[in-house]
Amino acid sequence: MDGLTISNSEGLIQTGQTIKEMRDGQIRRDVISPQGPQKSFVDTLNDAVNQVNQMQQVADKKMEDLATGKAKSIPDVMIAAEKADIALKLMVQVRNKVIEAYQEIMKMQV
């Protein structure tokens, strides 16, 4: 499937790799076996929010280090900031889709 989906967004958030790189097989995906432990939807969302938060904190720390002179690499700081920004935007879009799905379910008549 082409484009960004919920199934490939986790790899994008965790590794920062592009969809093309994911499609080319450069990212190893962890496959959960049917017998193995499976996460609930809530756990998956909590993990994603925590990862986005961690990326934001890393970007903030790198910006602080650059401002105080501890870091010299501006591109590294900009890359970390952009990764955090993209992850946050993705999380907001996922949240919006979940809310839309919930509203559609609530409109259903039983």
N, C-alpha and C. Protein backbone atom coordinates (compact mmCIF):
# COMPACT_ATOMS: atom_id res chain seq x y z
N MET A 1 0.85 -1.17 0.00
CA MET A 1 0.00 0.00 0.00
C MET A 1 0.89 1.23 0.00
N ASP A 2 0.60 2.17 -0.87
CA ASP A 2 1.38 3.39 -0.96
C ASP A 2 0.90 4.40 0.05
N GLY A 3 1.79 5.27 0.47
CA GLY A 3 1.43 6.36 1.35
C GLY A 3 1.56 6.02 2.81
N LEU A 4 1.21 6.99 3.63
CA LEU A 4 1.33 6.86 5.07
C LEU A 4 0.08 6.23 5.65
N THR A 5 0.25 5.15 6.37
CA THR A 5 -0.86 4.50 7.03
C THR A 5 -0.52 4.33 8.50
N ILE A 6 -1.52 3.94 9.28
CA ILE A 6 -1.28 3.73 10.70
C ILE A 6 -0.27 2.60 10.90
N SER A 7 -0.33 1.58 10.05
CA SER A 7 0.57 0.44 10.23
C SER A 7 2.03 0.81 9.97
N ASN A 8 2.31 1.70 9.04
CA ASN A 8 3.70 2.04 8.79
C ASN A 8 4.13 3.33 9.49
N SER A 9 3.21 4.01 10.16
CA SER A 9 3.58 5.25 10.84
C SER A 9 4.45 4.99 12.07
N GLU A 10 4.26 3.83 12.72
CA GLU A 10 5.08 3.53 13.89
C GLU A 10 6.55 3.43 13.51
N GLY A 11 6.84 2.77 12.39
CA GLY A 11 8.22 2.69 11.91
C GLY A 11 8.77 4.05 11.56
N LEU A 12 7.92 4.90 11.00
CA LEU A 12 8.34 6.26 10.65
C LEU A 12 8.69 7.05 11.90
N ILE A 13 7.86 6.94 12.93
CA ILE A 13 8.10 7.69 14.16
C ILE A 13 9.35 7.17 14.87
N GLN A 14 9.48 5.86 14.98
CA GLN A 14 10.59 5.28 15.73
C GLN A 14 11.93 5.49 15.06
N THR A 15 11.98 5.37 13.74
CA THR A 15 13.27 5.39 13.06
C THR A 15 13.54 6.65 12.27
N GLY A 16 12.51 7.38 11.90
CA GLY A 16 12.70 8.57 11.09
C GLY A 16 13.01 8.25 9.64
N GLN A 17 12.81 7.00 9.25
CA GLN A 17 13.06 6.59 7.87
C GLN A 17 11.86 6.97 7.00
N THR A 18 12.11 7.12 5.70
CA THR A 18 11.04 7.47 4.78
C THR A 18 10.23 6.23 4.41
N ILE A 19 9.07 6.48 3.83
CA ILE A 19 8.21 5.37 3.41
C ILE A 19 8.90 4.55 2.32
N LYS A 20 9.64 5.22 1.44
CA LYS A 20 10.36 4.50 0.38
C LYS A 20 11.39 3.55 0.99
N GLU A 21 12.11 4.01 2.01
CA GLU A 21 13.09 3.15 2.67
C GLU A 21 12.41 1.98 3.37
N MET A 22 11.24 2.26 3.93
CA MET A 22 10.49 1.17 4.57
C MET A 22 10.07 0.15 3.52
N ARG A 23 9.60 0.66 2.38
CA ARG A 23 9.14 -0.22 1.31
C ARG A 23 10.29 -1.03 0.74
N ASP A 24 11.48 -0.45 0.71
CA ASP A 24 12.65 -1.14 0.17
C ASP A 24 13.20 -2.18 1.13
N GLY A 25 12.63 -2.28 2.31
CA GLY A 25 13.05 -3.31 3.25
C GLY A 25 14.25 -2.93 4.09
N GLN A 26 14.57 -1.65 4.20
CA GLN A 26 15.72 -1.25 5.00
C GLN A 26 15.39 -1.18 6.48
N ILE A 27 14.10 -1.24 6.80
CA ILE A 27 13.68 -1.20 8.19
C ILE A 27 13.17 -2.57 8.58
N ARG A 28 13.71 -3.10 9.66
CA ARG A 28 13.27 -4.40 10.17
C ARG A 28 12.01 -4.16 11.00
N ARG A 29 10.94 -4.82 10.62
CA ARG A 29 9.69 -4.70 11.38
C ARG A 29 9.58 -5.86 12.34
N ASP A 30 9.17 -5.53 13.54
CA ASP A 30 8.92 -6.57 14.52
C ASP A 30 7.53 -7.14 14.28
N VAL A 31 7.47 -8.43 14.04
CA VAL A 31 6.20 -9.09 13.78
C VAL A 31 5.77 -9.81 15.05
N ILE A 32 4.56 -9.55 15.46
CA ILE A 32 4.03 -10.20 16.65
C ILE A 32 3.38 -11.50 16.22
N SER A 33 3.83 -12.57 16.82
CA SER A 33 3.25 -13.86 16.49
C SER A 33 1.88 -13.98 17.14
N PRO A 34 1.00 -14.79 16.54
CA PRO A 34 -0.33 -14.95 17.13
C PRO A 34 -0.30 -15.50 18.56
N GLN A 35 0.75 -16.24 18.90
CA GLN A 35 0.85 -16.79 20.24
C GLN A 35 1.45 -15.79 21.22
N GLY A 36 2.15 -14.80 20.72
CA GLY A 36 2.87 -13.86 21.58
C GLY A 36 1.94 -12.84 22.21
N PRO A 37 2.49 -12.06 23.15
CA PRO A 37 1.68 -11.04 23.80
C PRO A 37 1.33 -9.92 22.82
N GLN A 38 0.10 -9.47 22.90
CA GLN A 38 -0.36 -8.41 22.02
C GLN A 38 -0.78 -7.21 22.85
N LYS A 39 -0.49 -6.03 22.34
CA LYS A 39 -0.83 -4.81 23.04
C LYS A 39 -2.28 -4.43 22.73
N SER A 40 -2.90 -3.81 23.70
CA SER A 40 -4.24 -3.29 23.45
C SER A 40 -4.11 -1.99 22.68
N PHE A 41 -5.23 -1.51 22.18
CA PHE A 41 -5.24 -0.26 21.42
C PHE A 41 -4.80 0.90 22.30
N VAL A 42 -5.25 0.91 23.54
CA VAL A 42 -4.88 1.97 24.48
C VAL A 42 -3.37 1.95 24.74
N ASP A 43 -2.80 0.76 24.94
CA ASP A 43 -1.35 0.67 25.16
C ASP A 43 -0.57 1.18 23.95
N THR A 44 -1.05 0.85 22.76
CA THR A 44 -0.38 1.29 21.55
C THR A 44 -0.42 2.82 21.45
N LEU A 45 -1.57 3.42 21.74
CA LEU A 45 -1.67 4.88 21.71
C LEU A 45 -0.80 5.52 22.77
N ASN A 46 -0.79 4.94 23.97
CA ASN A 46 0.06 5.48 25.04
C ASN A 46 1.53 5.43 24.66
N ASP A 47 1.95 4.32 24.07
CA ASP A 47 3.34 4.20 23.62
C ASP A 47 3.68 5.25 22.57
N ALA A 48 2.75 5.46 21.64
CA ALA A 48 2.99 6.45 20.58
C ALA A 48 3.09 7.85 21.16
N VAL A 49 2.21 8.18 22.10
CA VAL A 49 2.26 9.51 22.73
C VAL A 49 3.57 9.67 23.49
N ASN A 50 3.99 8.64 24.19
CA ASN A 50 5.25 8.71 24.94
C ASN A 50 6.44 8.88 24.00
N GLN A 51 6.42 8.21 22.85
CA GLN A 51 7.51 8.35 21.89
C GLN A 51 7.57 9.76 21.32
N VAL A 52 6.40 10.33 21.01
CA VAL A 52 6.35 11.70 20.50
C VAL A 52 6.88 12.66 21.56
N ASN A 53 6.46 12.44 22.81
CA ASN A 53 6.93 13.28 23.91
C ASN A 53 8.45 13.19 24.06
N GLN A 54 8.97 11.99 23.96
CA GLN A 54 10.42 11.78 24.08
C GLN A 54 11.16 12.51 22.94
N MET A 55 10.62 12.43 21.72
CA MET A 55 11.25 13.11 20.59
C MET A 55 11.23 14.62 20.80
N GLN A 56 10.14 15.14 21.37
CA GLN A 56 10.06 16.58 21.66
C GLN A 56 11.11 16.97 22.69
N GLN A 57 11.27 16.15 23.72
CA GLN A 57 12.25 16.45 24.76
C GLN A 57 13.67 16.41 24.21
N VAL A 58 13.97 15.44 23.35
CA VAL A 58 15.30 15.35 22.74
C VAL A 58 15.57 16.59 21.89
N ALA A 59 14.57 17.00 21.11
CA ALA A 59 14.74 18.19 20.27
C ALA A 59 14.95 19.43 21.13
N ASP A 60 14.19 19.56 22.21
CA ASP A 60 14.36 20.70 23.12
C ASP A 60 15.75 20.72 23.73
N LYS A 61 16.24 19.55 24.15
CA LYS A 61 17.56 19.46 24.76
C LYS A 61 18.64 19.85 23.75
N LYS A 62 18.49 19.37 22.50
CA LYS A 62 19.48 19.72 21.47
C LYS A 62 19.46 21.21 21.17
N MET A 63 18.26 21.81 21.17
CA MET A 63 18.18 23.26 20.94
C MET A 63 18.82 24.03 22.09
N GLU A 64 18.59 23.55 23.29
CA GLU A 64 19.20 24.19 24.47
C GLU A 64 20.72 24.08 24.41
N ASP A 65 21.22 22.89 24.04
CA ASP A 65 22.66 22.70 23.93
C ASP A 65 23.26 23.60 22.85
N LEU A 66 22.54 23.78 21.75
CA LEU A 66 23.03 24.66 20.69
C LEU A 66 23.06 26.11 21.16
N ALA A 67 22.03 26.51 21.90
CA ALA A 67 21.95 27.89 22.38
C ALA A 67 23.04 28.20 23.40
N THR A 68 23.41 27.18 24.20
CA THR A 68 24.43 27.40 25.23
C THR A 68 25.84 27.13 24.72
N GLY A 69 25.97 26.64 23.49
CA GLY A 69 27.29 26.41 22.93
C GLY A 69 27.83 25.01 23.15
N LYS A 70 27.04 24.14 23.77
CA LYS A 70 27.51 22.76 24.00
C LYS A 70 27.49 21.95 22.71
N ALA A 71 26.56 22.24 21.82
CA ALA A 71 26.45 21.52 20.55
C ALA A 71 26.89 22.46 19.42
N LYS A 72 27.57 21.91 18.45
CA LYS A 72 28.06 22.73 17.34
C LYS A 72 27.36 22.41 16.02
N SER A 73 26.60 21.31 15.98
CA SER A 73 26.00 20.86 14.72
C SER A 73 24.57 21.37 14.58
N ILE A 74 24.41 22.40 13.80
CA ILE A 74 23.08 22.96 13.54
C ILE A 74 22.20 21.97 12.77
N PRO A 75 22.74 21.25 11.76
CA PRO A 75 21.88 20.30 11.05
C PRO A 75 21.30 19.21 11.97
N ASP A 76 22.07 18.71 12.92
CA ASP A 76 21.55 17.70 13.84
C ASP A 76 20.39 18.25 14.66
N VAL A 77 20.51 19.49 15.09
CA VAL A 77 19.45 20.12 15.87
C VAL A 77 18.21 20.30 15.00
N MET A 78 18.39 20.74 13.78
CA MET A 78 17.25 20.96 12.89
C MET A 78 16.57 19.64 12.53
N ILE A 79 17.34 18.60 12.32
CA ILE A 79 16.76 17.29 12.01
C ILE A 79 15.95 16.77 13.18
N ALA A 80 16.48 16.90 14.39
CA ALA A 80 15.74 16.45 15.58
C ALA A 80 14.45 17.25 15.74
N ALA A 81 14.52 18.55 15.49
CA ALA A 81 13.33 19.39 15.62
C ALA A 81 12.28 19.02 14.57
N GLU A 82 12.72 18.77 13.35
CA GLU A 82 11.78 18.40 12.28
C GLU A 82 11.15 17.03 12.53
N LYS A 83 11.96 16.07 13.01
CA LYS A 83 11.40 14.75 13.35
C LYS A 83 10.33 14.88 14.42
N ALA A 84 10.62 15.69 15.43
CA ALA A 84 9.65 15.88 16.51
C ALA A 84 8.39 16.56 15.99
N ASP A 85 8.56 17.54 15.11
CA ASP A 85 7.42 18.25 14.55
C ASP A 85 6.56 17.33 13.69
N ILE A 86 7.18 16.53 12.85
CA ILE A 86 6.44 15.59 11.99
C ILE A 86 5.72 14.55 12.85
N ALA A 87 6.39 14.05 13.87
CA ALA A 87 5.76 13.06 14.75
C ALA A 87 4.55 13.66 15.46
N LEU A 88 4.66 14.90 15.90
CA LEU A 88 3.53 15.56 16.56
C LEU A 88 2.37 15.76 15.59
N LYS A 89 2.68 16.20 14.38
CA LYS A 89 1.63 16.38 13.38
C LYS A 89 0.94 15.06 13.06
N LEU A 90 1.71 14.00 12.95
CA LEU A 90 1.14 12.68 12.70
C LEU A 90 0.24 12.25 13.85
N MET A 91 0.69 12.49 15.07
CA MET A 91 -0.11 12.12 16.25
C MET A 91 -1.43 12.90 16.28
N VAL A 92 -1.39 14.16 15.91
CA VAL A 92 -2.61 14.96 15.87
C VAL A 92 -3.57 14.42 14.82
N GLN A 93 -3.05 14.03 13.67
CA GLN A 93 -3.91 13.47 12.62
C GLN A 93 -4.52 12.14 13.04
N VAL A 94 -3.74 11.31 13.72
CA VAL A 94 -4.27 10.04 14.22
C VAL A 94 -5.37 10.31 15.24
N ARG A 95 -5.13 11.27 16.12
CA ARG A 95 -6.14 11.64 17.11
C ARG A 95 -7.42 12.10 16.43
N ASN A 96 -7.29 12.92 15.40
CA ASN A 96 -8.46 13.41 14.68
C ASN A 96 -9.24 12.26 14.04
N LYS A 97 -8.53 11.30 13.48
CA LYS A 97 -9.20 10.15 12.86
C LYS A 97 -9.92 9.30 13.91
N VAL A 98 -9.31 9.14 15.06
CA VAL A 98 -9.94 8.36 16.14
C VAL A 98 -11.21 9.07 16.61
N ILE A 99 -11.14 10.37 16.75
CA ILE A 99 -12.32 11.14 17.18
C ILE A 99 -13.42 11.05 16.13
N GLU A 100 -13.06 11.16 14.85
CA GLU A 100 -14.06 11.04 13.79
C GLU A 100 -14.71 9.67 13.81
N ALA A 101 -13.92 8.63 14.01
CA ALA A 101 -14.48 7.27 14.07
C ALA A 101 -15.42 7.13 15.26
N TYR A 102 -15.03 7.66 16.39
CA TYR A 102 -15.89 7.61 17.58
C TYR A 102 -17.21 8.34 17.33
N GLN A 103 -17.14 9.51 16.70
CA GLN A 103 -18.36 10.26 16.42
C GLN A 103 -19.27 9.52 15.45
N GLU A 104 -18.68 8.86 14.46
CA GLU A 104 -19.49 8.07 13.54
C GLU A 104 -20.17 6.90 14.25
N ILE A 105 -19.46 6.27 15.15
CA ILE A 105 -20.05 5.15 15.91
C ILE A 105 -21.19 5.66 16.79
N MET A 106 -21.00 6.81 17.39
CA MET A 106 -22.04 7.36 18.25
C MET A 106 -23.29 7.75 17.47
N LYS A 107 -23.16 8.07 16.19
CA LYS A 107 -24.30 8.43 15.36
C LYS A 107 -25.13 7.20 14.95
N MET A 108 -24.54 6.03 15.06
CA MET A 108 -25.24 4.81 14.65
C MET A 108 -26.43 4.55 15.55
N GLN A 109 -27.49 4.08 14.92
CA GLN A 109 -28.66 3.70 15.70
C GLN A 109 -28.61 2.22 15.99
N VAL A 110 -29.00 1.90 17.19
CA VAL A 110 -28.94 0.49 17.59
C VAL A 110 -30.25 -0.20 17.35
